[in-house]
Amino acid sequence: MENNNNLLTIDEARSILRVGRNVMYDLVKSGMPHIKVGKQIRIPQEALTAWIKNQTIAS
């Protein structure tokens, strides 16, 4: 089972990505890995790191 320290809030994840709140929620709605804890959304830190790597465009 994952440690809760590895679960990011929306605000923590958006701070890492440097995006606004609305953009963060749009990313979650469009398929960014996340889990729901009641009504709250949490993003596993490892999943966010993997998602970022998958979004990287080689030049």
PDB file of N, CA and C in Angstrom:
ATOM      1  N   MET A   1       0.842  -1.185   0.000  1.00  0.00           N
ATOM      2  CA  MET A   1       0.000   0.000   0.000  1.00  0.00           C
ATOM      3  C   MET A   1       0.886   1.246   0.000  1.00  0.00           C
ATOM      4  N   GLU A   2       0.458   2.253  -0.732  1.00  0.00           N
ATOM      5  CA  GLU A   2       1.262   3.465  -0.862  1.00  0.00           C
ATOM      6  C   GLU A   2       1.246   4.285   0.419  1.00  0.00           C
ATOM      7  N   ASN A   3       2.334   4.956   0.660  1.00  0.00           N
ATOM      8  CA  ASN A   3       2.433   5.882   1.767  1.00  0.00           C
ATOM      9  C   ASN A   3       1.727   7.176   1.373  1.00  0.00           C
ATOM     10  N   ASN A   4       0.962   7.765   2.291  1.00  0.00           N
ATOM     11  CA  ASN A   4       0.228   8.999   1.986  1.00  0.00           C
ATOM     12  C   ASN A   4       1.143  10.152   1.613  1.00  0.00           C
ATOM     13  N   ASN A   5       2.424  10.083   2.000  1.00  0.00           N
ATOM     14  CA  ASN A   5       3.359  11.144   1.630  1.00  0.00           C
ATOM     15  C   ASN A   5       3.618  11.160   0.128  1.00  0.00           C
ATOM     16  N   ASN A   6       3.292  10.069  -0.547  1.00  0.00           N
ATOM     17  CA  ASN A   6       3.500   9.989  -1.988  1.00  0.00           C
ATOM     18  C   ASN A   6       2.273  10.431  -2.772  1.00  0.00           C
ATOM     19  N   LEU A   7       1.231  10.850  -2.073  1.00  0.00           N
ATOM     20  CA  LEU A   7       0.016  11.327  -2.726  1.00  0.00           C
ATOM     21  C   LEU A   7      -0.015  12.846  -2.668  1.00  0.00           C
ATOM     22  N   LEU A   8      -0.095  13.471  -3.831  1.00  0.00           N
ATOM     23  CA  LEU A   8      -0.087  14.931  -3.919  1.00  0.00           C
ATOM     24  C   LEU A   8      -1.505  15.467  -4.016  1.00  0.00           C
ATOM     25  N   THR A   9      -1.727  16.612  -3.407  1.00  0.00           N
ATOM     26  CA  THR A   9      -2.992  17.312  -3.599  1.00  0.00           C
ATOM     27  C   THR A   9      -2.957  18.001  -4.960  1.00  0.00           C
ATOM     28  N   ILE A  10      -4.104  18.489  -5.384  1.00  0.00           N
ATOM     29  CA  ILE A  10      -4.171  19.256  -6.635  1.00  0.00           C
ATOM     30  C   ILE A  10      -3.217  20.446  -6.567  1.00  0.00           C
ATOM     31  N   ASP A  11      -3.211  21.154  -5.446  1.00  0.00           N
ATOM     32  CA  ASP A  11      -2.346  22.335  -5.316  1.00  0.00           C
ATOM     33  C   ASP A  11      -0.865  21.970  -5.365  1.00  0.00           C
ATOM     34  N   GLU A  12      -0.490  20.845  -4.751  1.00  0.00           N
ATOM     35  CA  GLU A  12       0.913  20.419  -4.795  1.00  0.00           C
ATOM     36  C   GLU A  12       1.317  20.034  -6.219  1.00  0.00           C
ATOM     37  N   ALA A  13       0.448  19.302  -6.904  1.00  0.00           N
ATOM     38  CA  ALA A  13       0.749  18.878  -8.280  1.00  0.00           C
ATOM     39  C   ALA A  13       0.818  20.078  -9.214  1.00  0.00           C
ATOM     40  N   ARG A  14      -0.101  21.024  -9.056  1.00  0.00           N
ATOM     41  CA  ARG A  14      -0.087  22.180  -9.954  1.00  0.00           C
ATOM     42  C   ARG A  14       1.122  23.070  -9.683  1.00  0.00           C
ATOM     43  N   SER A  15       1.597  23.071  -8.452  1.00  0.00           N
ATOM     44  CA  SER A  15       2.812  23.811  -8.126  1.00  0.00           C
ATOM     45  C   SER A  15       4.020  23.189  -8.833  1.00  0.00           C
ATOM     46  N   ILE A  16       4.074  21.877  -8.870  1.00  0.00           N
ATOM     47  CA  ILE A  16       5.161  21.181  -9.569  1.00  0.00           C
ATOM     48  C   ILE A  16       5.105  21.486 -11.060  1.00  0.00           C
ATOM     49  N   LEU A  17       3.896  21.459 -11.630  1.00  0.00           N
ATOM     50  CA  LEU A  17       3.731  21.688 -13.065  1.00  0.00           C
ATOM     51  C   LEU A  17       3.707  23.167 -13.439  1.00  0.00           C
ATOM     52  N   ARG A  18       3.549  24.028 -12.436  1.00  0.00           N
ATOM     53  CA  ARG A  18       3.455  25.479 -12.643  1.00  0.00           C
ATOM     54  C   ARG A  18       2.297  25.841 -13.569  1.00  0.00           C
ATOM     55  N   VAL A  19       1.127  25.289 -13.233  1.00  0.00           N
ATOM     56  CA  VAL A  19      -0.094  25.595 -13.977  1.00  0.00           C
ATOM     57  C   VAL A  19      -1.153  26.073 -12.996  1.00  0.00           C
ATOM     58  N   GLY A  20      -2.187  26.679 -13.522  1.00  0.00           N
ATOM     59  CA  GLY A  20      -3.279  27.159 -12.698  1.00  0.00           C
ATOM     60  C   GLY A  20      -4.208  26.038 -12.264  1.00  0.00           C
ATOM     61  N   ARG A  21      -5.089  26.376 -11.345  1.00  0.00           N
ATOM     62  CA  ARG A  21      -6.032  25.401 -10.802  1.00  0.00           C
ATOM     63  C   ARG A  21      -6.935  24.828 -11.892  1.00  0.00           C
ATOM     64  N   ASN A  22      -7.488  25.674 -12.757  1.00  0.00           N
ATOM     65  CA  ASN A  22      -8.387  25.187 -13.812  1.00  0.00           C
ATOM     66  C   ASN A  22      -7.663  24.260 -14.779  1.00  0.00           C
ATOM     67  N   VAL A  23      -6.439  24.606 -15.134  1.00  0.00           N
ATOM     68  CA  VAL A  23      -5.651  23.755 -16.032  1.00  0.00           C
ATOM     69  C   VAL A  23      -5.405  22.402 -15.371  1.00  0.00           C
ATOM     70  N   MET A  24      -5.109  22.411 -14.073  1.00  0.00           N
ATOM     71  CA  MET A  24      -4.845  21.154 -13.365  1.00  0.00           C
ATOM     72  C   MET A  24      -6.074  20.256 -13.383  1.00  0.00           C
ATOM     73  N   TYR A  25      -7.237  20.833 -13.106  1.00  0.00           N
ATOM     74  CA  TYR A  25      -8.462  20.027 -13.138  1.00  0.00           C
ATOM     75  C   TYR A  25      -8.749  19.527 -14.558  1.00  0.00           C
ATOM     76  N   ASP A  26      -8.459  20.331 -15.565  1.00  0.00           N
ATOM     77  CA  ASP A  26      -8.631  19.888 -16.958  1.00  0.00           C
ATOM     78  C   ASP A  26      -7.706  18.710 -17.273  1.00  0.00           C
ATOM     79  N   LEU A  27      -6.478  18.752 -16.779  1.00  0.00           N
ATOM     80  CA  LEU A  27      -5.545  17.647 -16.997  1.00  0.00           C
ATOM     81  C   LEU A  27      -6.056  16.360 -16.354  1.00  0.00           C
ATOM     82  N   VAL A  28      -6.591  16.482 -15.148  1.00  0.00           N
ATOM     83  CA  VAL A  28      -7.149  15.313 -14.461  1.00  0.00           C
ATOM     84  C   VAL A  28      -8.328  14.752 -15.252  1.00  0.00           C
ATOM     85  N   LYS A  29      -9.204  15.644 -15.715  1.00  0.00           N
ATOM     86  CA  LYS A  29     -10.375  15.198 -16.487  1.00  0.00           C
ATOM     87  C   LYS A  29      -9.974  14.551 -17.804  1.00  0.00           C
ATOM     88  N   SER A  30      -8.833  14.970 -18.360  1.00  0.00           N
ATOM     89  CA  SER A  30      -8.413  14.439 -19.660  1.00  0.00           C
ATOM     90  C   SER A  30      -7.539  13.190 -19.541  1.00  0.00           C
ATOM     91  N   GLY A  31      -7.368  12.666 -18.338  1.00  0.00           N
ATOM     92  CA  GLY A  31      -6.696  11.380 -18.213  1.00  0.00           C
ATOM     93  C   GLY A  31      -5.448  11.320 -17.359  1.00  0.00           C
ATOM     94  N   MET A  32      -5.054  12.414 -16.725  1.00  0.00           N
ATOM     95  CA  MET A  32      -3.900  12.333 -15.834  1.00  0.00           C
ATOM     96  C   MET A  32      -4.228  11.342 -14.710  1.00  0.00           C
ATOM     97  N   PRO A  33      -3.298  10.437 -14.391  1.00  0.00           N
ATOM     98  CA  PRO A  33      -3.564   9.453 -13.340  1.00  0.00           C
ATOM     99  C   PRO A  33      -3.872  10.124 -12.000  1.00  0.00           C
ATOM    100  N   HIS A  34      -4.922   9.652 -11.339  1.00  0.00           N
ATOM    101  CA  HIS A  34      -5.301  10.197 -10.043  1.00  0.00           C
ATOM    102  C   HIS A  34      -6.177   9.193  -9.310  1.00  0.00           C
ATOM    103  N   ILE A  35      -6.362   9.438  -8.028  1.00  0.00           N
ATOM    104  CA  ILE A  35      -7.308   8.652  -7.247  1.00  0.00           C
ATOM    105  C   ILE A  35      -8.217   9.627  -6.514  1.00  0.00           C
ATOM    106  N   LYS A  36      -9.391   9.156  -6.154  1.00  0.00           N
ATOM    107  CA  LYS A  36     -10.305   9.986  -5.377  1.00  0.00           C
ATOM    108  C   LYS A  36     -10.376   9.426  -3.966  1.00  0.00           C
ATOM    109  N   VAL A  37     -10.248  10.311  -3.007  1.00  0.00           N
ATOM    110  CA  VAL A  37     -10.399   9.976  -1.601  1.00  0.00           C
ATOM    111  C   VAL A  37     -11.608  10.773  -1.137  1.00  0.00           C
ATOM    112  N   GLY A  38     -12.758  10.115  -1.135  1.00  0.00           N
ATOM    113  CA  GLY A  38     -13.998  10.850  -0.906  1.00  0.00           C
ATOM    114  C   GLY A  38     -14.214  11.778  -2.087  1.00  0.00           C
ATOM    115  N   LYS A  39     -14.326  13.067  -1.815  1.00  0.00           N
ATOM    116  CA  LYS A  39     -14.492  14.051  -2.888  1.00  0.00           C
ATOM    117  C   LYS A  39     -13.163  14.679  -3.307  1.00  0.00           C
ATOM    118  N   GLN A  40     -12.110  14.328  -2.591  1.00  0.00           N
ATOM    119  CA  GLN A  40     -10.808  14.927  -2.868  1.00  0.00           C
ATOM    120  C   GLN A  40     -10.033  14.114  -3.896  1.00  0.00           C
ATOM    121  N   ILE A  41      -9.260  14.806  -4.700  1.00  0.00           N
ATOM    122  CA  ILE A  41      -8.423  14.171  -5.718  1.00  0.00           C
ATOM    123  C   ILE A  41      -6.985  14.158  -5.209  1.00  0.00           C
ATOM    124  N   ARG A  42      -6.346  13.005  -5.352  1.00  0.00           N
ATOM    125  CA  ARG A  42      -4.931  12.866  -5.016  1.00  0.00           C
ATOM    126  C   ARG A  42      -4.206  12.293  -6.224  1.00  0.00           C
ATOM    127  N   ILE A  43      -2.997  12.752  -6.428  1.00  0.00           N
ATOM    128  CA  ILE A  43      -2.199  12.307  -7.561  1.00  0.00           C
ATOM    129  C   ILE A  43      -0.946  11.626  -7.012  1.00  0.00           C
ATOM    130  N   PRO A  44      -0.787  10.327  -7.301  1.00  0.00           N
ATOM    131  CA  PRO A  44       0.429   9.642  -6.848  1.00  0.00           C
ATOM    132  C   PRO A  44       1.665  10.301  -7.466  1.00  0.00           C
ATOM    133  N   GLN A  45       2.649  10.588  -6.641  1.00  0.00           N
ATOM    134  CA  GLN A  45       3.837  11.299  -7.112  1.00  0.00           C
ATOM    135  C   GLN A  45       4.541  10.533  -8.231  1.00  0.00           C
ATOM    136  N   GLU A  46       4.635   9.216  -8.111  1.00  0.00           N
ATOM    137  CA  GLU A  46       5.283   8.416  -9.156  1.00  0.00           C
ATOM    138  C   GLU A  46       4.504   8.495 -10.465  1.00  0.00           C
ATOM    139  N   ALA A  47       3.172   8.509 -10.370  1.00  0.00           N
ATOM    140  CA  ALA A  47       2.340   8.605 -11.577  1.00  0.00           C
ATOM    141  C   ALA A  47       2.522   9.967 -12.243  1.00  0.00           C
ATOM    142  N   LEU A  48       2.649  11.028 -11.441  1.00  0.00           N
ATOM    143  CA  LEU A  48       2.870  12.360 -12.002  1.00  0.00           C
ATOM    144  C   LEU A  48       4.219  12.413 -12.718  1.00  0.00           C
ATOM    145  N   THR A  49       5.242  11.837 -12.102  1.00  0.00           N
ATOM    146  CA  THR A  49       6.566  11.808 -12.721  1.00  0.00           C
ATOM    147  C   THR A  49       6.525  11.050 -14.046  1.00  0.00           C
ATOM    148  N   ALA A  50       5.860   9.905 -14.066  1.00  0.00           N
ATOM    149  CA  ALA A  50       5.734   9.119 -15.303  1.00  0.00           C
ATOM    150  C   ALA A  50       4.934   9.885 -16.350  1.00  0.00           C
ATOM    151  N   TRP A  51       3.871  10.566 -15.923  1.00  0.00           N
ATOM    152  CA  TRP A  51       3.039  11.348 -16.843  1.00  0.00           C
ATOM    153  C   TRP A  51       3.873  12.459 -17.482  1.00  0.00           C
ATOM    154  N   ILE A  52       4.689  13.128 -16.677  1.00  0.00           N
ATOM    155  CA  ILE A  52       5.545  14.201 -17.196  1.00  0.00           C
ATOM    156  C   ILE A  52       6.506  13.642 -18.245  1.00  0.00           C
ATOM    157  N   LYS A  53       7.114  12.493 -17.961  1.00  0.00           N
ATOM    158  CA  LYS A  53       8.048  11.883 -18.917  1.00  0.00           C
ATOM    159  C   LYS A  53       7.342  11.531 -20.221  1.00  0.00           C
ATOM    160  N   ASN A  54       6.094  11.073 -20.136  1.00  0.00           N
ATOM    161  CA  ASN A  54       5.334  10.722 -21.338  1.00  0.00           C
ATOM    162  C   ASN A  54       4.935  11.949 -22.146  1.00  0.00           C
ATOM    163  N   GLN A  55       4.868  13.113 -21.508  1.00  0.00           N
ATOM    164  CA  GLN A  55       4.479  14.339 -22.192  1.00  0.00           C
ATOM    165  C   GLN A  55       5.664  15.041 -22.836  1.00  0.00           C
ATOM    166  N   THR A  56       6.866  14.633 -22.475  1.00  0.00           N
ATOM    167  CA  THR A  56       8.073  15.281 -22.975  1.00  0.00           C
ATOM    168  C   THR A  56       8.238  15.014 -24.466  1.00  0.00           C
ATOM    169  N   ILE A  57       8.472  16.083 -25.214  1.00  0.00           N
ATOM    170  CA  ILE A  57       8.641  15.992 -26.663  1.00  0.00           C
ATOM    171  C   ILE A  57      10.123  16.121 -26.981  1.00  0.00           C
ATOM    172  N   ALA A  58      10.645  15.144 -27.683  1.00  0.00           N
ATOM    173  CA  ALA A  58      12.057  15.190 -28.075  1.00  0.00           C
ATOM    174  C   ALA A  58      12.242  16.204 -29.196  1.00  0.00           C
ATOM    175  N   SER A  59      13.320  16.954 -29.117  1.00  0.00           N
ATOM    176  CA  SER A  59      13.573  17.952 -30.169  1.00  0.00           C
ATOM    177  C   SER A  59      14.562  17.460 -31.184  1.00  0.00           C
TER     178      SER A  59
END
